[in-house]
Amino acid sequence: MLGNRHEFTSLYIHISPCNTGSNKRDIVFLLDGSDDSRNGLPAIREFIRRMAAELVTNEDTIRFAVIQYSDDTTVYFNLNAHRSKKAIIYAVRSLRHKGGMPRNTGAALQFVLDHVFVTTSGSRRLDGVPQILFLLIGGKSNDDVSQAALKLKQSGVLSFAIGMKNAKQKELEKIAFSSKYHFNLPVFGELLSIQPEMAALVRTGIKIEHPSVVGKIKR
């Protein structure tokens, strides 16, 4: 008797065209706000503040959004909420920890794809502006991240997966757009040591490349 048979569909990645020669960027920070990441908030907040101080001008070239999640996902501010460096930095300094359990990273990734990387929230994806996601996470997800991560890649979102403390390497690899876009740090404070590198990648390292895909889609 034959065993169970599994069919695998071929994987097709569509990379949305983006104007890589432009200095415009839409950057979304997706923050782990679960209970056991509470101690990481000061470092996370300072990371975003430094990114804004270094990247944002008053010419509406770089747009920031900040989203926080745990068991559900909350928009702190969208891409079209603040257009000046001063306003973004002020909002980031006022960020408070969300709290809650468990940590549903897969649902949060799907949320930003459906509700943040869209025109009504300030995304300029349809104008060819590079779409960038920074996921800052302190532990293992309670739900599966594979499908939402794949959909983000298919949409051309360049996802950085930065794990700290108890993050799982395999999850980071699934979420990151390519192998150079995932990091696993031992403590939250180490986040600030890689901030200059992250800013440099955002400023100069955006290009069309093949995303990393772990495994195939089973149906």
C-alpha atoms as a PDB file:
ATOM      1  CA  MET A   1       0.000   0.000   0.000  1.00  0.00           C
ATOM      2  CA  LEU A   2       1.303   3.397  -0.927  1.00  0.00           C
ATOM      3  CA  GLY A   3       1.958   5.883   1.839  1.00  0.00           C
ATOM      4  CA  ASN A   4       0.524   9.377   2.020  1.00  0.00           C
ATOM      5  CA  ARG A   5       1.283  11.386  -1.075  1.00  0.00           C
ATOM      6  CA  HIS A   6       2.067  15.090  -0.884  1.00  0.00           C
ATOM      7  CA  GLU A   7       1.894  17.464  -3.816  1.00  0.00           C
ATOM      8  CA  PHE A   8       4.130  20.508  -3.993  1.00  0.00           C
ATOM      9  CA  THR A   9       3.362  23.476  -6.138  1.00  0.00           C
ATOM     10  CA  SER A  10       6.225  25.307  -7.782  1.00  0.00           C
ATOM     11  CA  LEU A  11       7.165  28.562  -6.112  1.00  0.00           C
ATOM     12  CA  TYR A  12       6.936  31.818  -8.054  1.00  0.00           C
ATOM     13  CA  ILE A  13       8.206  35.034  -6.558  1.00  0.00           C
ATOM     14  CA  HIS A  14       7.055  38.277  -8.077  1.00  0.00           C
ATOM     15  CA  ILE A  15       9.207  41.232  -7.176  1.00  0.00           C
ATOM     16  CA  SER A  16       7.297  44.480  -7.510  1.00  0.00           C
ATOM     17  CA  PRO A  17       9.304  47.013  -9.518  1.00  0.00           C
ATOM     18  CA  CYS A  18      10.789  49.778  -7.427  1.00  0.00           C
ATOM     19  CA  ASN A  19      12.783  52.862  -8.231  1.00  0.00           C
ATOM     20  CA  THR A  20      16.091  51.801  -6.717  1.00  0.00           C
ATOM     21  CA  GLY A  21      17.761  54.991  -7.868  1.00  0.00           C
ATOM     22  CA  SER A  22      15.423  57.146  -5.803  1.00  0.00           C
ATOM     23  CA  ASN A  23      16.153  58.190  -2.213  1.00  0.00           C
ATOM     24  CA  LYS A  24      12.521  57.611  -1.215  1.00  0.00           C
ATOM     25  CA  ARG A  25      11.715  54.812   1.222  1.00  0.00           C
ATOM     26  CA  ASP A  26       8.615  53.643   3.108  1.00  0.00           C
ATOM     27  CA  ILE A  27       9.809  52.024   6.355  1.00  0.00           C
ATOM     28  CA  VAL A  28       7.578  50.098   8.753  1.00  0.00           C
ATOM     29  CA  PHE A  29       8.797  49.069  12.210  1.00  0.00           C
ATOM     30  CA  LEU A  30       6.899  46.059  13.547  1.00  0.00           C
ATOM     31  CA  LEU A  31       7.643  45.774  17.269  1.00  0.00           C
ATOM     32  CA  ASP A  32       7.260  42.856  19.631  1.00  0.00           C
ATOM     33  CA  GLY A  33       5.139  44.325  22.417  1.00  0.00           C
ATOM     34  CA  SER A  34       4.512  41.096  24.331  1.00  0.00           C
ATOM     35  CA  ASP A  35       4.950  40.890  28.094  1.00  0.00           C
ATOM     36  CA  ASP A  36       8.358  39.212  28.046  1.00  0.00           C
ATOM     37  CA  SER A  37       9.812  41.883  25.723  1.00  0.00           C
ATOM     38  CA  ARG A  38       8.949  44.759  28.051  1.00  0.00           C
ATOM     39  CA  ASN A  39      12.572  45.293  29.082  1.00  0.00           C
ATOM     40  CA  GLY A  40      13.582  45.726  25.457  1.00  0.00           C
ATOM     41  CA  LEU A  41      11.441  48.799  24.817  1.00  0.00           C
ATOM     42  CA  PRO A  42      14.090  51.444  25.670  1.00  0.00           C
ATOM     43  CA  ALA A  43      16.577  49.938  23.192  1.00  0.00           C
ATOM     44  CA  ILE A  44      13.899  49.472  20.532  1.00  0.00           C
ATOM     45  CA  ARG A  45      12.656  53.035  20.964  1.00  0.00           C
ATOM     46  CA  GLU A  46      16.202  54.413  20.744  1.00  0.00           C
ATOM     47  CA  PHE A  47      16.910  52.311  17.635  1.00  0.00           C
ATOM     48  CA  ILE A  48      13.947  53.853  15.822  1.00  0.00           C
ATOM     49  CA  ARG A  49      14.823  57.346  17.036  1.00  0.00           C
ATOM     50  CA  ARG A  50      18.358  57.038  15.710  1.00  0.00           C
ATOM     51  CA  MET A  51      17.100  55.699  12.394  1.00  0.00           C
ATOM     52  CA  ALA A  52      14.774  58.683  12.070  1.00  0.00           C
ATOM     53  CA  ALA A  53      17.484  61.164  13.061  1.00  0.00           C
ATOM     54  CA  GLU A  54      19.825  59.735  10.445  1.00  0.00           C
ATOM     55  CA  LEU A  55      17.452  59.030   7.560  1.00  0.00           C
ATOM     56  CA  VAL A  56      14.452  61.346   7.656  1.00  0.00           C
ATOM     57  CA  THR A  57      14.551  64.720   5.942  1.00  0.00           C
ATOM     58  CA  ASN A  58      11.810  67.314   5.705  1.00  0.00           C
ATOM     59  CA  GLU A  59      11.290  66.621   2.012  1.00  0.00           C
ATOM     60  CA  ASP A  60       8.908  63.647   2.444  1.00  0.00           C
ATOM     61  CA  THR A  61      11.449  61.219   1.045  1.00  0.00           C
ATOM     62  CA  ILE A  62      11.498  58.780   3.983  1.00  0.00           C
ATOM     63  CA  ARG A  63       8.229  57.788   5.628  1.00  0.00           C
ATOM     64  CA  PHE A  64       8.046  55.873   8.915  1.00  0.00           C
ATOM     65  CA  ALA A  65       5.302  53.765  10.486  1.00  0.00           C
ATOM     66  CA  VAL A  66       5.384  52.088  13.899  1.00  0.00           C
ATOM     67  CA  ILE A  67       3.235  49.049  14.644  1.00  0.00           C
ATOM     68  CA  GLN A  68       3.227  47.067  17.888  1.00  0.00           C
ATOM     69  CA  TYR A  69       1.865  43.584  18.467  1.00  0.00           C
ATOM     70  CA  SER A  70       1.446  40.772  20.942  1.00  0.00           C
ATOM     71  CA  ASP A  71      -1.751  38.683  20.799  1.00  0.00           C
ATOM     72  CA  ASP A  72      -3.187  41.346  18.474  1.00  0.00           C
ATOM     73  CA  THR A  73      -1.713  44.194  16.427  1.00  0.00           C
ATOM     74  CA  THR A  74      -1.961  47.943  17.048  1.00  0.00           C
ATOM     75  CA  VAL A  75      -1.015  50.812  14.744  1.00  0.00           C
ATOM     76  CA  TYR A  76       0.940  53.411  16.696  1.00  0.00           C
ATOM     77  CA  PHE A  77       1.292  55.631  13.656  1.00  0.00           C
ATOM     78  CA  ASN A  78       0.995  55.025   9.925  1.00  0.00           C
ATOM     79  CA  LEU A  79       3.231  56.045   7.018  1.00  0.00           C
ATOM     80  CA  ASN A  80       1.148  59.149   6.330  1.00  0.00           C
ATOM     81  CA  ALA A  81       0.868  60.304   9.958  1.00  0.00           C
ATOM     82  CA  HIS A  82       4.089  62.320  10.344  1.00  0.00           C
ATOM     83  CA  ARG A  83       6.050  64.009   7.562  1.00  0.00           C
ATOM     84  CA  SER A  84       8.786  65.823   9.520  1.00  0.00           C
ATOM     85  CA  LYS A  85      11.767  64.415  11.408  1.00  0.00           C
ATOM     86  CA  LYS A  86      10.762  66.360  14.528  1.00  0.00           C
ATOM     87  CA  ALA A  87       7.242  64.914  14.540  1.00  0.00           C
ATOM     88  CA  ILE A  88       8.463  61.342  14.051  1.00  0.00           C
ATOM     89  CA  ILE A  89      11.073  61.585  16.809  1.00  0.00           C
ATOM     90  CA  TYR A  90       8.556  63.128  19.209  1.00  0.00           C
ATOM     91  CA  ALA A  91       6.094  60.311  18.506  1.00  0.00           C
ATOM     92  CA  VAL A  92       8.752  57.627  18.949  1.00  0.00           C
ATOM     93  CA  ARG A  93       9.866  59.061  22.295  1.00  0.00           C
ATOM     94  CA  SER A  94       6.251  58.796  23.505  1.00  0.00           C
ATOM     95  CA  LEU A  95       5.942  55.103  22.563  1.00  0.00           C
ATOM     96  CA  ARG A  96       4.676  52.952  25.425  1.00  0.00           C
ATOM     97  CA  HIS A  97       4.836  49.190  25.765  1.00  0.00           C
ATOM     98  CA  LYS A  98       1.725  47.403  24.549  1.00  0.00           C
ATOM     99  CA  GLY A  99       1.840  44.245  26.657  1.00  0.00           C
ATOM    100  CA  GLY A 100      -0.149  41.067  26.189  1.00  0.00           C
ATOM    101  CA  MET A 101       0.434  37.408  25.425  1.00  0.00           C
ATOM    102  CA  PRO A 102       0.975  35.351  23.359  1.00  0.00           C
ATOM    103  CA  ARG A 103       3.245  36.685  20.588  1.00  0.00           C
ATOM    104  CA  ASN A 104       1.433  36.175  17.251  1.00  0.00           C
ATOM    105  CA  THR A 105       4.078  37.207  14.745  1.00  0.00           C
ATOM    106  CA  GLY A 106       2.464  35.547  11.732  1.00  0.00           C
ATOM    107  CA  ALA A 107      -0.775  37.462  12.242  1.00  0.00           C
ATOM    108  CA  ALA A 108       1.168  40.690  12.736  1.00  0.00           C
ATOM    109  CA  LEU A 109       3.069  40.194   9.467  1.00  0.00           C
ATOM    110  CA  GLN A 110      -0.210  39.622   7.657  1.00  0.00           C
ATOM    111  CA  PHE A 111      -1.654  42.741   9.292  1.00  0.00           C
ATOM    112  CA  VAL A 112       1.086  45.030   8.020  1.00  0.00           C
ATOM    113  CA  LEU A 113       0.738  43.579   4.527  1.00  0.00           C
ATOM    114  CA  ASP A 114      -3.029  44.103   4.493  1.00  0.00           C
ATOM    115  CA  HIS A 115      -3.317  47.382   6.395  1.00  0.00           C
ATOM    116  CA  VAL A 116       0.010  49.260   6.383  1.00  0.00           C
ATOM    117  CA  PHE A 117       1.733  48.635   3.060  1.00  0.00           C
ATOM    118  CA  VAL A 118      -1.308  50.099   1.302  1.00  0.00           C
ATOM    119  CA  THR A 119      -2.023  53.451  -0.313  1.00  0.00           C
ATOM    120  CA  THR A 120      -4.624  54.512   2.247  1.00  0.00           C
ATOM    121  CA  SER A 121      -2.008  54.231   5.021  1.00  0.00           C
ATOM    122  CA  GLY A 122       0.576  56.260   3.115  1.00  0.00           C
ATOM    123  CA  SER A 123       2.420  53.532   1.212  1.00  0.00           C
ATOM    124  CA  ARG A 124       3.911  54.620  -2.116  1.00  0.00           C
ATOM    125  CA  ARG A 125       4.421  51.085  -3.387  1.00  0.00           C
ATOM    126  CA  LEU A 126       2.414  51.763  -6.533  1.00  0.00           C
ATOM    127  CA  ASP A 127       4.785  54.638  -7.296  1.00  0.00           C
ATOM    128  CA  GLY A 128       7.769  52.308  -7.141  1.00  0.00           C
ATOM    129  CA  VAL A 129       9.043  53.434  -3.736  1.00  0.00           C
ATOM    130  CA  PRO A 130      10.935  50.622  -1.926  1.00  0.00           C
ATOM    131  CA  GLN A 131       8.879  49.087   0.879  1.00  0.00           C
ATOM    132  CA  ILE A 132      10.944  48.097   3.927  1.00  0.00           C
ATOM    133  CA  LEU A 133       9.937  46.220   7.076  1.00  0.00           C
ATOM    134  CA  PHE A 134      11.943  46.007  10.293  1.00  0.00           C
ATOM    135  CA  LEU A 135      10.620  43.246  12.550  1.00  0.00           C
ATOM    136  CA  LEU A 136      12.087  43.561  16.059  1.00  0.00           C
ATOM    137  CA  ILE A 137      11.255  40.429  18.038  1.00  0.00           C
ATOM    138  CA  GLY A 138      12.299  39.032  21.410  1.00  0.00           C
ATOM    139  CA  GLY A 139      11.158  35.405  21.216  1.00  0.00           C
ATOM    140  CA  LYS A 140       9.432  32.596  19.358  1.00  0.00           C
ATOM    141  CA  SER A 141       6.113  33.211  17.643  1.00  0.00           C
ATOM    142  CA  ASN A 142       3.003  31.492  18.944  1.00  0.00           C
ATOM    143  CA  ASP A 143       1.655  31.133  15.396  1.00  0.00           C
ATOM    144  CA  ASP A 144       3.123  30.142  12.044  1.00  0.00           C
ATOM    145  CA  VAL A 145       5.026  32.855  10.180  1.00  0.00           C
ATOM    146  CA  SER A 146       5.637  31.022   6.885  1.00  0.00           C
ATOM    147  CA  GLN A 147       2.679  32.074   4.760  1.00  0.00           C
ATOM    148  CA  ALA A 148       2.627  35.743   5.756  1.00  0.00           C
ATOM    149  CA  ALA A 149       6.411  35.984   5.308  1.00  0.00           C
ATOM    150  CA  LEU A 150       6.113  34.477   1.832  1.00  0.00           C
ATOM    151  CA  LYS A 151       3.338  36.889   0.864  1.00  0.00           C
ATOM    152  CA  LEU A 152       5.474  39.841   1.944  1.00  0.00           C
ATOM    153  CA  LYS A 153       8.308  38.586  -0.261  1.00  0.00           C
ATOM    154  CA  GLN A 154       5.928  38.076  -3.163  1.00  0.00           C
ATOM    155  CA  SER A 155       4.791  41.676  -2.713  1.00  0.00           C
ATOM    156  CA  GLY A 156       8.375  42.905  -2.907  1.00  0.00           C
ATOM    157  CA  VAL A 157       8.589  44.058   0.719  1.00  0.00           C
ATOM    158  CA  LEU A 158      12.208  43.991   1.901  1.00  0.00           C
ATOM    159  CA  SER A 159      11.919  42.500   5.373  1.00  0.00           C
ATOM    160  CA  PHE A 160      14.651  42.765   8.001  1.00  0.00           C
ATOM    161  CA  ALA A 161      14.182  40.234  10.819  1.00  0.00           C
ATOM    162  CA  ILE A 162      16.075  41.274  13.943  1.00  0.00           C
ATOM    163  CA  GLY A 163      15.788  38.819  16.799  1.00  0.00           C
ATOM    164  CA  MET A 164      16.897  39.504  20.345  1.00  0.00           C
ATOM    165  CA  LYS A 165      17.070  37.495  23.552  1.00  0.00           C
ATOM    166  CA  ASN A 166      15.021  34.331  22.844  1.00  0.00           C
ATOM    167  CA  ALA A 167      14.238  34.723  19.130  1.00  0.00           C
ATOM    168  CA  LYS A 168      14.394  31.601  16.960  1.00  0.00           C
ATOM    169  CA  GLN A 169      16.897  31.530  14.119  1.00  0.00           C
ATOM    170  CA  LYS A 170      14.702  29.488  11.754  1.00  0.00           C
ATOM    171  CA  GLU A 171      11.846  31.964  12.100  1.00  0.00           C
ATOM    172  CA  LEU A 172      14.145  34.884  11.386  1.00  0.00           C
ATOM    173  CA  GLU A 173      15.410  33.128   8.255  1.00  0.00           C
ATOM    174  CA  LYS A 174      11.862  32.565   7.025  1.00  0.00           C
ATOM    175  CA  ILE A 175      10.851  36.184   7.558  1.00  0.00           C
ATOM    176  CA  ALA A 176      13.941  37.980   6.234  1.00  0.00           C
ATOM    177  CA  PHE A 177      13.875  38.893   2.564  1.00  0.00           C
ATOM    178  CA  SER A 178      17.376  37.503   2.052  1.00  0.00           C
ATOM    179  CA  SER A 179      20.200  36.061   4.113  1.00  0.00           C
ATOM    180  CA  LYS A 180      21.832  39.439   4.712  1.00  0.00           C
ATOM    181  CA  TYR A 181      18.643  40.806   6.256  1.00  0.00           C
ATOM    182  CA  HIS A 182      18.365  38.682   9.415  1.00  0.00           C
ATOM    183  CA  PHE A 183      20.189  39.154  12.721  1.00  0.00           C
ATOM    184  CA  ASN A 184      20.026  37.306  16.029  1.00  0.00           C
ATOM    185  CA  LEU A 185      21.304  39.279  18.997  1.00  0.00           C
ATOM    186  CA  PRO A 186      21.843  37.950  22.539  1.00  0.00           C
ATOM    187  CA  VAL A 187      20.344  40.964  24.332  1.00  0.00           C
ATOM    188  CA  PHE A 188      18.111  43.902  23.443  1.00  0.00           C
ATOM    189  CA  GLY A 189      20.880  46.437  23.993  1.00  0.00           C
ATOM    190  CA  GLU A 190      22.910  44.982  21.121  1.00  0.00           C
ATOM    191  CA  LEU A 191      20.296  46.404  18.775  1.00  0.00           C
ATOM    192  CA  LEU A 192      21.960  49.807  18.961  1.00  0.00           C
ATOM    193  CA  SER A 193      25.307  48.363  17.843  1.00  0.00           C
ATOM    194  CA  ILE A 194      23.873  47.375  14.439  1.00  0.00           C
ATOM    195  CA  GLN A 195      21.834  50.553  13.905  1.00  0.00           C
ATOM    196  CA  PRO A 196      24.489  52.312  11.752  1.00  0.00           C
ATOM    197  CA  GLU A 197      24.684  49.238   9.510  1.00  0.00           C
ATOM    198  CA  MET A 198      20.897  49.138   9.173  1.00  0.00           C
ATOM    199  CA  ALA A 199      20.751  52.811   8.224  1.00  0.00           C
ATOM    200  CA  ALA A 200      23.483  52.301   5.635  1.00  0.00           C
ATOM    201  CA  LEU A 201      21.631  49.345   4.105  1.00  0.00           C
ATOM    202  CA  VAL A 202      18.416  51.332   3.890  1.00  0.00           C
ATOM    203  CA  ARG A 203      20.185  54.293   2.338  1.00  0.00           C
ATOM    204  CA  THR A 204      22.410  52.566  -0.185  1.00  0.00           C
ATOM    205  CA  GLY A 205      21.781  48.819  -0.199  1.00  0.00           C
ATOM    206  CA  ILE A 206      18.295  48.598  -1.675  1.00  0.00           C
ATOM    207  CA  LYS A 207      18.303  46.624  -4.898  1.00  0.00           C
ATOM    208  CA  ILE A 208      16.289  43.984  -6.679  1.00  0.00           C
ATOM    209  CA  GLU A 209      17.511  40.543  -5.633  1.00  0.00           C
ATOM    210  CA  HIS A 210      16.133  37.057  -5.161  1.00  0.00           C
ATOM    211  CA  PRO A 211      14.475  36.615  -1.775  1.00  0.00           C
ATOM    212  CA  SER A 212      15.310  33.764   0.568  1.00  0.00           C
ATOM    213  CA  VAL A 213      12.653  31.055   0.634  1.00  0.00           C
ATOM    214  CA  VAL A 214      12.780  28.227   3.155  1.00  0.00           C
ATOM    215  CA  GLY A 215      11.060  25.143   1.739  1.00  0.00           C
ATOM    216  CA  LYS A 216       8.151  24.966  -0.687  1.00  0.00           C
ATOM    217  CA  ILE A 217       4.429  25.468  -0.473  1.00  0.00           C
ATOM    218  CA  LYS A 218       2.562  22.225   0.212  1.00  0.00           C
ATOM    219  CA  ARG A 219      -0.975  21.782  -0.921  1.00  0.00           C
END
